[in-house]
Protein backbone atom coordinates (compact mmCIF):
# COMPACT_ATOMS: atom_id res chain seq x y z
CA MET A 1 8.55 25.36 -12.81
CA THR A 2 7.73 22.07 -11.09
CA ALA A 3 6.54 18.88 -12.71
CA SER A 4 3.05 19.61 -11.37
CA SER A 5 3.02 23.02 -13.07
CA ALA A 6 4.39 21.57 -16.30
CA TYR A 7 1.11 19.80 -16.97
CA PRO A 8 -1.24 22.84 -16.88
CA ARG A 9 1.12 24.64 -19.25
CA PHE A 10 0.36 22.04 -21.92
CA LYS A 11 -3.20 21.24 -20.93
CA ARG A 12 -4.60 22.65 -24.16
CA LEU A 13 -2.50 20.21 -26.17
CA VAL A 14 -2.79 17.04 -24.11
CA SER A 15 -6.34 15.88 -23.42
CA ALA A 16 -7.61 13.03 -21.30
CA HIS A 17 -8.44 11.32 -24.58
CA GLU A 18 -4.77 11.41 -25.54
CA LEU A 19 -3.83 10.07 -22.13
CA HIS A 20 -6.05 7.13 -22.94
CA LEU A 21 -4.40 6.63 -26.33
CA PHE A 22 -0.84 6.84 -25.06
CA PHE A 23 -0.80 5.56 -21.52
CA ALA A 24 -4.09 4.33 -20.02
CA PRO A 25 -6.05 1.12 -20.59
CA THR A 26 -9.44 2.78 -20.07
CA ARG A 27 -10.91 6.25 -20.51
CA GLU A 28 -11.94 6.26 -16.86
CA GLU A 29 -8.33 5.68 -15.77
CA ALA A 30 -7.23 8.45 -18.14
CA ALA A 31 -9.67 10.88 -16.55
CA ARG A 32 -8.51 9.92 -13.05
CA ALA A 33 -4.88 10.36 -14.13
CA ALA A 34 -5.64 13.84 -15.43
CA GLU A 35 -7.29 14.77 -12.13
CA ARG A 36 -4.27 13.49 -10.18
CA MET A 37 -1.89 15.52 -12.32
CA ASP A 38 -3.92 18.65 -11.73
CA ALA A 39 -3.59 18.03 -8.00
CA ASP A 40 -0.15 16.54 -7.63
CA GLY A 41 1.87 16.18 -10.81
CA ASP A 42 4.00 13.11 -11.33
CA GLN A 43 6.24 11.27 -13.76
CA LEU A 44 3.45 11.10 -16.34
CA ALA A 45 3.07 14.87 -16.25
CA LEU A 46 6.74 15.23 -17.07
CA LEU A 47 6.53 12.74 -19.96
CA LEU A 48 3.48 14.50 -21.38
CA ALA A 49 5.23 17.82 -21.06
CA LEU A 50 8.13 16.49 -23.09
CA LYS A 51 5.71 15.09 -25.66
CA SER A 52 3.95 18.44 -25.95
CA TYR A 53 7.24 20.30 -26.16
CA GLN A 54 8.09 18.10 -29.14
CA ARG A 55 4.83 19.12 -30.81
CA ILE A 56 5.07 22.87 -30.43
CA GLY A 57 8.81 23.41 -30.33
CA ARG A 58 11.57 23.44 -32.90
CA PHE A 59 12.90 20.00 -33.74
CA PRO A 60 16.56 20.07 -32.68
CA ARG A 61 19.27 18.94 -35.03
CA PRO A 62 20.44 15.38 -34.26
CA GLU A 63 23.57 16.55 -32.50
CA GLU A 64 21.44 18.74 -30.23
CA TYR A 65 19.01 16.06 -29.07
CA PRO A 66 20.46 15.08 -25.68
CA GLU A 67 21.21 18.58 -24.43
CA ALA A 68 17.92 19.98 -25.73
CA VAL A 69 15.90 17.42 -23.82
CA VAL A 70 18.09 17.66 -20.74
CA ASP A 71 17.66 21.43 -20.76
CA PHE A 72 13.91 21.10 -20.85
CA VAL A 73 13.87 18.52 -18.07
CA ARG A 74 16.04 20.80 -15.93
CA ARG A 75 13.66 23.71 -16.43
CA ALA A 76 10.57 21.57 -15.92
CA VAL A 77 11.68 20.43 -12.47
CA GLU A 78 13.78 23.45 -11.47
CA LEU A 79 17.10 21.63 -11.42
CA PRO A 80 20.33 23.60 -11.05
CA GLU A 81 22.46 24.12 -14.14
CA ASP A 82 25.21 21.88 -12.77
CA THR A 83 23.01 18.74 -12.80
CA PRO A 84 25.38 16.12 -14.26
CA VAL A 85 24.80 14.78 -17.78
CA MET A 86 26.37 11.40 -18.45
CA ALA A 87 28.66 10.95 -21.45
CA ASP A 88 26.45 8.30 -23.04
CA GLY A 89 23.56 10.72 -23.40
CA ARG A 90 21.68 9.81 -20.23
CA THR A 91 20.67 12.23 -17.58
CA ALA A 92 19.76 11.52 -13.97
CA VAL A 93 17.10 13.91 -12.71
CA ARG A 94 16.25 13.74 -9.02
CA LYS A 95 14.12 16.13 -7.09
CA ARG A 96 11.97 14.81 -4.27
CA ARG A 97 9.04 13.20 -6.14
CA VAL A 98 10.64 12.76 -9.56
CA VAL A 99 13.14 10.09 -10.54
CA HIS A 100 13.71 10.02 -14.31
CA SER A 101 16.38 8.01 -16.11
CA SER A 102 16.34 7.51 -19.88
CA THR A 103 18.54 7.23 -22.92
CA LEU A 104 17.83 10.43 -24.81
CA ASP A 105 17.95 9.90 -28.56
CA GLY A 106 15.84 12.96 -29.31
CA LEU A 107 12.37 14.32 -28.77
CA GLY A 108 10.76 12.26 -31.50
CA LEU A 109 13.30 9.49 -31.89
CA LEU A 110 13.08 7.57 -28.64
CA SER A 111 12.89 4.14 -30.28
CA GLN A 112 15.71 2.81 -28.07
CA THR A 113 14.57 4.53 -24.89
CA ARG A 114 13.39 2.84 -21.71
CA VAL A 115 11.84 4.83 -18.93
CA GLN A 116 11.94 3.22 -15.50
CA SER A 117 9.31 4.83 -13.33
CA ARG A 118 9.95 4.19 -9.63
CA ARG A 119 7.99 4.58 -6.46
CA LEU A 120 6.92 8.20 -6.33
CA SER A 121 5.78 9.79 -3.10
CA SER A 122 3.18 12.52 -3.33
CA ARG A 123 2.55 15.23 -0.85
CA ARG A 124 -0.06 12.92 0.64
CA GLY A 125 2.65 10.30 1.28
CA ARG A 126 1.41 7.68 -1.21
CA ARG A 127 2.40 6.41 -4.62
CA THR A 128 0.94 8.59 -7.34
CA GLY A 129 0.88 8.63 -11.07
CA LEU A 130 -0.23 6.16 -13.65
CA LEU A 131 3.39 5.16 -14.22
CA ALA A 132 4.34 4.68 -10.60
CA GLY A 133 6.00 1.29 -10.20
CA ASN A 134 5.54 0.42 -13.90
CA ARG A 135 8.21 -0.04 -16.52
CA ILE A 136 7.26 1.75 -19.71
CA ALA A 137 8.59 0.72 -23.11
CA ILE A 138 8.80 3.69 -25.44
CA ASN A 139 7.94 2.61 -29.03
CA GLY A 140 7.75 -0.98 -27.90
CA VAL A 141 11.34 -1.41 -26.67
CA GLY A 142 11.72 -2.92 -23.23
CA GLY A 143 9.18 -4.39 -20.85
CA GLY A 144 5.90 -3.19 -19.49
CA ARG A 145 3.18 -1.37 -21.35
CA ALA A 146 4.06 -0.23 -24.89
CA VAL A 147 3.84 3.50 -25.41
CA ASN A 148 3.71 5.27 -28.76
CA TRP A 149 5.66 8.32 -27.69
CA ARG A 150 5.61 10.40 -30.82
CA ALA A 151 2.50 11.29 -32.79
CA MET A 152 2.79 11.61 -36.56
CA ARG A 153 1.00 13.74 -39.09
CA ALA A 154 -1.47 12.08 -41.43
CA ILE A 155 -4.54 12.91 -43.49
CA GLN A 156 -7.73 11.58 -41.95
CA VAL A 157 -11.17 11.12 -43.52
CA TYR A 158 -13.84 11.16 -40.83
CA GLU A 159 -16.77 11.33 -43.26
CA VAL A 160 -17.00 10.78 -47.00
CA GLY A 161 -17.47 13.76 -49.29
CA GLY A 162 -15.57 16.34 -51.29
CA PRO A 163 -11.91 17.35 -51.02
CA GLU A 164 -12.71 19.35 -47.87
CA VAL A 165 -13.09 16.12 -45.84
CA LEU A 166 -9.32 15.54 -46.12
CA GLN A 167 -8.15 16.73 -42.72
CA GLU A 168 -4.56 16.89 -41.49
CA ALA A 169 -4.34 15.43 -37.99
CA GLU A 170 -1.93 14.00 -35.46
CA VAL A 171 -2.34 10.26 -35.01
CA ASP A 172 -0.43 7.50 -33.30
CA GLN A 173 2.49 6.10 -35.21
CA PRO A 174 1.69 2.62 -36.53
CA ARG A 175 3.20 -0.48 -34.99
CA PRO A 176 4.19 -3.47 -37.14
CA GLY A 177 2.41 -6.76 -36.64
CA PRO A 178 3.65 -10.15 -37.82
CA GLY A 179 4.77 -9.95 -41.43
CA GLU A 180 4.46 -6.15 -41.53
CA ALA A 181 6.92 -3.29 -41.98
CA ILE A 182 6.79 0.39 -41.05
CA VAL A 183 7.91 2.66 -43.87
CA GLU A 184 8.83 6.32 -43.54
CA VAL A 185 6.95 7.78 -46.50
CA ALA A 186 9.02 9.95 -48.85
CA ALA A 187 6.29 10.43 -51.45
CA SER A 188 2.76 9.20 -52.06
CA GLY A 189 1.05 9.13 -55.44
CA VAL A 190 -2.31 10.84 -55.94
CA ASN A 191 -4.81 8.79 -57.93
CA PHE A 192 -8.49 8.74 -58.78
CA LEU A 193 -8.72 5.65 -56.60
CA ASP A 194 -8.02 7.98 -53.67
CA VAL A 195 -10.93 10.12 -54.83
CA TYR A 196 -13.23 7.08 -55.02
CA HIS A 197 -12.26 6.16 -51.44
CA ARG A 198 -12.83 9.73 -50.26
CA GLU A 199 -16.24 9.92 -51.93
CA GLY A 200 -17.29 6.54 -50.53
CA ARG A 201 -17.67 5.03 -53.99
CA TYR A 202 -15.25 2.35 -52.83
CA SER A 203 -15.94 2.21 -49.10
CA LEU A 204 -13.33 1.99 -46.36
CA PRO A 205 -14.03 1.92 -42.60
CA LEU A 206 -14.08 5.43 -41.12
CA PRO A 207 -11.90 7.14 -40.16
CA PHE A 208 -9.15 6.25 -42.62
CA THR A 209 -5.97 7.64 -44.11
CA PRO A 210 -6.21 7.83 -47.93
CA GLY A 211 -3.52 7.06 -50.46
CA THR A 212 -2.68 3.62 -51.86
CA GLU A 213 0.80 3.95 -53.34
CA GLY A 214 4.06 5.32 -52.08
CA ALA A 215 7.78 4.98 -51.65
CA GLY A 216 10.11 5.36 -48.70
CA THR A 217 12.50 3.71 -46.28
CA VAL A 218 11.79 0.76 -44.00
CA VAL A 219 12.31 1.89 -40.39
CA GLU A 220 10.90 -1.06 -38.46
CA VAL A 221 9.80 -4.64 -39.14
CA GLY A 222 7.53 -6.99 -37.28
CA PRO A 223 8.05 -10.67 -36.42
CA GLY A 224 8.54 -13.06 -39.29
CA VAL A 225 9.54 -10.48 -41.92
CA ALA A 226 12.02 -11.88 -44.42
CA ASP A 227 11.30 -9.93 -47.60
CA VAL A 228 12.77 -6.60 -46.44
CA ALA A 229 15.01 -5.18 -43.71
CA VAL A 230 15.37 -1.89 -41.86
CA GLY A 231 17.02 0.64 -44.17
CA ASP A 232 15.68 -0.84 -47.42
CA ARG A 233 14.30 1.56 -50.00
CA VAL A 234 10.92 0.29 -51.12
CA GLY A 235 7.76 1.11 -53.03
CA TRP A 236 4.25 -0.30 -52.81
CA VAL A 237 0.79 -0.09 -54.37
CA GLU A 238 -2.80 -0.80 -53.34
CA ILE A 239 -2.06 -0.50 -49.61
CA PRO A 240 -4.31 2.17 -48.00
CA GLY A 241 -2.82 4.74 -45.66
CA THR A 242 0.01 6.51 -47.51
CA TYR A 243 -0.98 10.18 -46.99
CA ALA A 244 1.05 10.10 -43.79
CA GLU A 245 4.56 10.40 -42.44
CA ARG A 246 4.68 6.64 -41.88
CA ALA A 247 2.71 3.69 -43.18
CA VAL A 248 2.36 0.07 -42.15
CA VAL A 249 2.64 -2.31 -45.11
CA ASP A 250 2.46 -6.06 -45.56
CA SER A 251 6.12 -6.82 -46.25
CA SER A 252 5.22 -9.28 -49.02
CA ARG A 253 3.74 -6.35 -50.99
CA LEU A 254 6.86 -4.19 -50.81
CA VAL A 255 8.94 -3.77 -53.96
CA PRO A 256 12.68 -3.18 -53.39
CA LEU A 257 13.83 -0.11 -55.31
CA PRO A 258 16.95 -0.29 -57.50
CA ASP A 259 19.62 2.26 -56.65
CA ASP A 260 18.89 4.25 -59.83
CA ILE A 261 15.16 4.65 -59.09
CA GLY A 262 14.39 7.56 -56.77
CA PHE A 263 11.51 7.79 -54.31
CA GLU A 264 9.51 10.28 -56.36
CA THR A 265 9.97 8.24 -59.52
CA ALA A 266 8.82 5.08 -57.75
CA ALA A 267 5.80 6.78 -56.19
CA ALA A 268 4.89 8.30 -59.54
CA VAL A 269 5.31 5.22 -61.72
CA LEU A 270 4.65 2.01 -59.80
CA LEU A 271 0.86 1.95 -59.62
CA GLN A 272 0.16 3.54 -62.98
CA GLY A 273 3.16 1.87 -64.61
CA MET A 274 2.07 -1.61 -63.53
CA THR A 275 -1.52 -0.74 -64.49
CA ALA A 276 -0.34 0.25 -67.95
CA HIS A 277 1.73 -2.95 -68.04
CA TYR A 278 -1.21 -5.31 -67.49
CA LEU A 279 -3.50 -3.22 -69.73
CA VAL A 280 -1.26 -3.49 -72.80
CA LYS A 281 0.12 -6.95 -72.01
CA ASP A 282 -2.89 -8.81 -70.61
CA ALA A 283 -6.21 -6.94 -70.80
CA TYR A 284 -5.56 -6.38 -74.50
CA PRO A 285 -2.13 -7.40 -75.83
CA VAL A 286 -1.23 -4.48 -78.09
CA GLN A 287 0.33 -5.56 -81.40
CA GLY A 288 2.44 -3.59 -83.84
CA GLY A 289 0.15 -1.76 -86.26
CA ASP A 290 -2.83 -1.51 -83.87
CA THR A 291 -4.54 1.88 -83.77
CA VAL A 292 -5.69 2.54 -80.24
CA LEU A 293 -7.90 5.18 -78.62
CA VAL A 294 -6.67 6.48 -75.25
CA HIS A 295 -8.94 8.83 -73.34
CA ALA A 296 -7.40 11.57 -71.16
CA ALA A 297 -4.11 10.99 -72.95
CA ALA A 298 -2.33 13.83 -71.11
CA GLY A 299 -3.15 12.58 -67.62
CA GLY A 300 -0.72 10.56 -65.55
CA MET A 301 -2.20 7.25 -66.71
CA GLY A 302 -2.81 8.44 -70.27
CA LEU A 303 0.77 9.57 -70.79
CA LEU A 304 2.14 6.22 -69.66
CA LEU A 305 -0.28 4.29 -71.87
CA THR A 306 0.53 6.47 -74.85
CA GLN A 307 4.27 5.92 -74.40
CA LEU A 308 3.93 2.15 -73.95
CA ILE A 309 1.58 1.62 -76.88
CA THR A 310 3.94 3.62 -79.09
CA HIS A 311 6.88 1.62 -77.74
CA LEU A 312 5.08 -1.60 -78.70
CA GLY A 313 4.49 -0.38 -82.26
CA GLY A 314 0.90 0.83 -81.88
CA ARG A 315 -0.61 4.10 -83.10
CA VAL A 316 -2.39 6.26 -80.51
CA ILE A 317 -5.37 8.50 -81.03
CA GLY A 318 -5.75 10.47 -77.83
CA THR A 319 -8.41 12.70 -76.35
CA THR A 320 -7.69 15.74 -74.17
CA SER A 321 -9.61 18.73 -72.85
CA THR A 322 -7.20 21.56 -73.85
CA THR A 323 -4.72 22.40 -76.59
CA ALA A 324 -1.88 22.52 -74.03
CA LYS A 325 -2.70 18.97 -72.96
CA ALA A 326 -2.91 17.94 -76.62
CA GLU A 327 0.68 19.09 -77.13
CA LEU A 328 1.77 17.08 -74.10
CA ALA A 329 0.06 13.95 -75.46
CA LYS A 330 1.74 14.43 -78.82
CA ARG A 331 5.13 14.72 -77.17
CA ALA A 332 4.41 11.40 -75.46
CA GLY A 333 3.85 9.80 -78.88
CA ALA A 334 0.20 10.28 -79.79
CA ALA A 335 -0.24 10.35 -83.57
CA GLU A 336 -3.56 12.22 -83.37
CA VAL A 337 -5.24 14.14 -80.57
CA ILE A 338 -8.91 15.10 -80.40
CA LEU A 339 -10.09 18.01 -78.25
CA SER A 340 -13.19 16.53 -76.63
CA SER A 341 -14.91 19.90 -76.34
CA ALA A 342 -14.33 20.72 -80.02
CA VAL A 343 -16.27 17.83 -81.58
CA ASP A 344 -19.95 16.96 -81.48
CA ASP A 345 -19.49 13.28 -82.37
CA LEU A 346 -16.34 11.85 -80.87
CA ALA A 347 -16.78 8.38 -82.37
CA ALA A 348 -17.24 9.80 -85.85
CA GLU A 349 -14.02 11.81 -85.49
CA VAL A 350 -12.14 8.72 -84.31
CA ARG A 351 -13.31 6.78 -87.36
CA ARG A 352 -12.40 9.69 -89.66
CA LEU A 353 -8.84 9.67 -88.29
CA ASN A 354 -8.67 5.89 -88.88
CA GLY A 355 -9.73 5.88 -92.51
CA GLY A 356 -13.40 5.41 -91.72
CA GLN A 357 -12.81 2.21 -89.72
CA GLY A 358 -13.44 1.37 -86.11
CA LEU A 359 -10.64 0.48 -83.72
CA PRO A 360 -9.57 -2.86 -82.26
CA VAL A 361 -9.42 -1.45 -78.72
CA VAL A 362 -10.26 1.58 -76.60
CA PHE A 363 -8.58 2.24 -73.24
CA ASP A 364 -11.09 4.25 -71.21
CA GLY A 365 -10.28 5.52 -67.71
CA VAL A 366 -12.86 8.32 -67.82
CA GLY A 367 -16.02 6.27 -67.53
CA ALA A 368 -19.50 7.79 -67.65
CA HIS A 369 -18.77 10.70 -70.00
CA THR A 370 -16.93 8.65 -72.64
CA PHE A 371 -18.50 5.18 -72.39
CA ASP A 372 -20.97 5.54 -75.26
CA ALA A 373 -18.39 7.09 -77.58
CA SER A 374 -15.92 4.36 -76.68
CA LEU A 375 -18.31 1.60 -77.71
CA ALA A 376 -19.20 3.44 -80.90
CA SER A 377 -15.51 3.79 -81.82
CA LEU A 378 -14.89 0.02 -81.97
CA ARG A 379 -14.85 -2.23 -85.00
CA PRO A 380 -16.72 -5.57 -84.92
CA ARG A 381 -15.21 -7.85 -82.28
CA GLY A 382 -13.42 -4.87 -80.79
CA HIS A 383 -12.47 -4.57 -77.13
CA LEU A 384 -13.36 -1.86 -74.64
CA VAL A 385 -10.97 -1.84 -71.68
CA LEU A 386 -12.73 0.21 -69.01
CA PHE A 387 -10.13 0.69 -66.28
CA GLY A 388 -11.40 3.78 -64.47
CA ALA A 389 -14.28 6.14 -63.80
CA ALA A 390 -12.79 9.61 -63.48
CA SER A 391 -16.07 11.23 -64.60
CA GLY A 392 -18.26 8.87 -62.60
CA ALA A 393 -19.39 5.28 -62.75
CA VAL A 394 -20.94 3.92 -65.93
CA PRO A 395 -24.70 3.44 -65.40
CA PRO A 396 -26.19 -0.04 -65.82
CA PHE A 397 -26.72 -0.94 -69.49
CA ASP A 398 -28.20 -3.72 -71.61
CA PRO A 399 -25.50 -6.26 -72.56
CA MET A 400 -27.24 -6.63 -75.92
CA ARG A 401 -25.56 -3.37 -76.87
CA LEU A 402 -22.33 -5.36 -77.15
CA ALA A 403 -23.96 -7.77 -79.60
CA HIS A 404 -25.55 -5.00 -81.65
CA GLY A 405 -22.22 -3.16 -81.78
CA GLY A 406 -20.57 -6.14 -83.50
CA SER A 407 -19.94 -8.80 -80.84
CA LEU A 408 -17.89 -6.39 -78.76
CA THR A 409 -16.15 -7.37 -75.54
CA LEU A 410 -15.98 -5.30 -72.37
CA ILE A 411 -13.52 -5.85 -69.54
CA ARG A 412 -13.44 -3.94 -66.25
CA PRO A 413 -10.04 -5.01 -64.86
CA SER A 414 -8.35 -4.13 -61.57
CA LEU A 415 -4.62 -4.10 -60.89
CA GLY A 416 -4.91 -6.23 -57.75
CA HIS A 417 -5.90 -9.29 -59.76
CA PHE A 418 -2.79 -8.93 -61.92
CA ILE A 419 -0.28 -8.64 -59.05
CA ALA A 420 -1.88 -11.01 -56.55
CA ASP A 421 1.20 -13.25 -56.56
CA ARG A 422 4.44 -11.71 -55.27
CA SER A 423 6.43 -13.10 -58.19
CA GLU A 424 4.04 -11.40 -60.63
CA LEU A 425 4.23 -8.16 -58.61
CA LEU A 426 8.03 -8.14 -58.78
CA ARG A 427 8.06 -9.12 -62.46
CA ARG A 428 5.77 -6.28 -63.50
CA ALA A 429 7.66 -3.79 -61.30
CA ALA A 430 10.98 -4.89 -62.80
CA ASP A 431 9.61 -4.38 -66.32
CA VAL A 432 8.36 -0.91 -65.40
CA PHE A 433 11.73 0.08 -63.92
CA GLU A 434 13.48 -1.19 -67.05
CA TRP A 435 11.15 0.87 -69.24
CA VAL A 436 12.03 3.92 -67.13
CA ARG A 437 15.75 3.24 -67.59
CA SER A 438 15.41 2.78 -71.35
CA LYS A 439 13.29 5.96 -71.63
CA ALA A 440 10.39 3.95 -73.05
CA LEU A 441 8.57 5.50 -70.09
CA GLU A 442 9.32 9.05 -69.02
CA VAL A 443 7.82 9.91 -65.65
CA THR A 444 6.36 13.41 -65.47
CA VAL A 445 5.69 14.75 -61.97
CA THR A 446 3.81 18.02 -62.40
CA GLY A 447 2.54 18.66 -58.88
CA ARG A 448 3.95 18.21 -55.39
CA TYR A 449 1.74 18.91 -52.38
CA ALA A 450 2.42 18.97 -48.66
CA LEU A 451 0.11 16.92 -46.42
CA SER A 452 -1.79 20.09 -45.56
CA GLU A 453 -2.43 20.59 -49.29
CA ALA A 454 -3.94 17.15 -49.97
CA ALA A 455 -7.40 18.64 -50.49
CA GLN A 456 -5.98 20.98 -53.13
CA ALA A 457 -4.31 18.02 -54.86
CA HIS A 458 -7.66 16.25 -55.11
CA SER A 459 -9.39 19.41 -56.33
CA ASP A 460 -6.78 19.90 -59.04
CA LEU A 461 -6.99 16.27 -60.12
CA GLU A 462 -10.78 16.21 -60.32
CA ALA A 463 -10.97 19.54 -62.15
CA ARG A 464 -8.47 18.26 -64.75
CA ARG A 465 -6.24 21.25 -64.05
CA THR A 466 -3.19 19.01 -64.07
CA THR A 467 -1.12 16.88 -66.39
CA GLY A 468 1.25 14.09 -65.49
CA LYS A 469 1.55 12.73 -61.96
CA LEU A 470 0.70 14.41 -58.65
CA LEU A 471 2.48 13.54 -55.40
CA VAL A 472 1.81 14.17 -51.72
CA VAL A 473 5.15 14.73 -50.00
CA PRO A 474 4.93 14.45 -46.17
CA ASP A 475 8.22 16.33 -45.71
CA ALA A 476 7.14 19.78 -46.89
CA ALA A 477 10.76 20.97 -46.80
CA ALA A 478 11.60 18.41 -49.47
CA ILE A 479 9.27 20.21 -51.87
CA GLY A 480 11.23 23.41 -51.41
CA ARG A 481 14.54 21.62 -51.82
CA ARG A 482 13.34 20.04 -55.07
CA GLU A 483 12.10 23.39 -56.40
CA GLU A 484 15.42 25.03 -55.58
CA THR A 485 17.27 22.25 -57.43
CA GLN A 486 15.08 22.70 -60.51
CA SER A 487 15.31 26.51 -60.57
């Protein structure tokens, strides 16, 4: 098979649009390049063939990388089996129109590779190919035009809507700008904030990759990065784009992970743990002896709040939708649990469980369905901390309701305002990690989903079929390994 015949073999996988994304400055040039490859074949055809082989073929083990690629190059250009392979992993491939010299670190790991494309003579006796005479820098290393050689898998939202709009796709790997780092994502937390983004309630430019918290390993840094280095284990929150194999993150927002905090733990606890931290420390400082109402007490956020309030000496009355969830909330420390579906007047039941008195504070992450009952559960000068809208946004209301309810206060806080400064971000994260170590917080991961199952994760979360924390794990094999360990 010649280089010219290598391109048609992969034509279904490599479109002119992808030529534009990877190699050409304009769509018109991409189309012309595709036409030339159909007619002649050239160095670009060979590179695209290798790229496509990486997509559809088995990923070799690291020790197999050089020979696997060399073998494919040999077959692609009909080289004899005795073509020499250099000891340092390079191969020289020469056959009439093709001159290819590269350091072969693997099909998808060519971060140190430079491809020098030389003058190529076509059958018409002229230079052909988009790469002819150009020096191409794979993954930004070397001179010439930067090429993102390997695509990565990510979830894309092309239009807002239900869980079905979460589509797995191949996209270009991100490149770090000044002050940014590229992180290989080990786990990404699933939150209602992701649902709000997907629905368009909180709008993001389309298309976008959902997910705002994760943990992983820094694999590349941009200019001016001093907070982290390649190889660091890190976590982050409130940075869109984590339902993917890699994410680009402002390095000043990365939290270094202690050695005793694993990736899944960090992805499961950082966002909700720091949210719980500011809720009980700042939005309403919980005091020993306070009786507190926590809605959805068996959810990921509810369990953390219940544990922290109990740790601080408070008494939790929780609400759940099922008896199984009620047991989970009680194990987390809830003194009383109300089944929402079993009572006609939730506020009256709350007051009954508190000796007929209203409460100093209600933590409400449910929103529309519980808002009225939350206000009615408060004592005079009580505080409603509305930190979420899992059941939908609260409709507009007359502020005089707060006065008539007994000079009540309402706060609608957001985590970003409580971690805006890096020192505050690191302080809250350190407290959360310490609570995990001391068992004041026990992280419960109850669902792990591959990227292709992201829509199912959202469906399960919205239907309240889950308890604890849900994670999207880009490496699907890691889910199996974890399940084997637990069995």
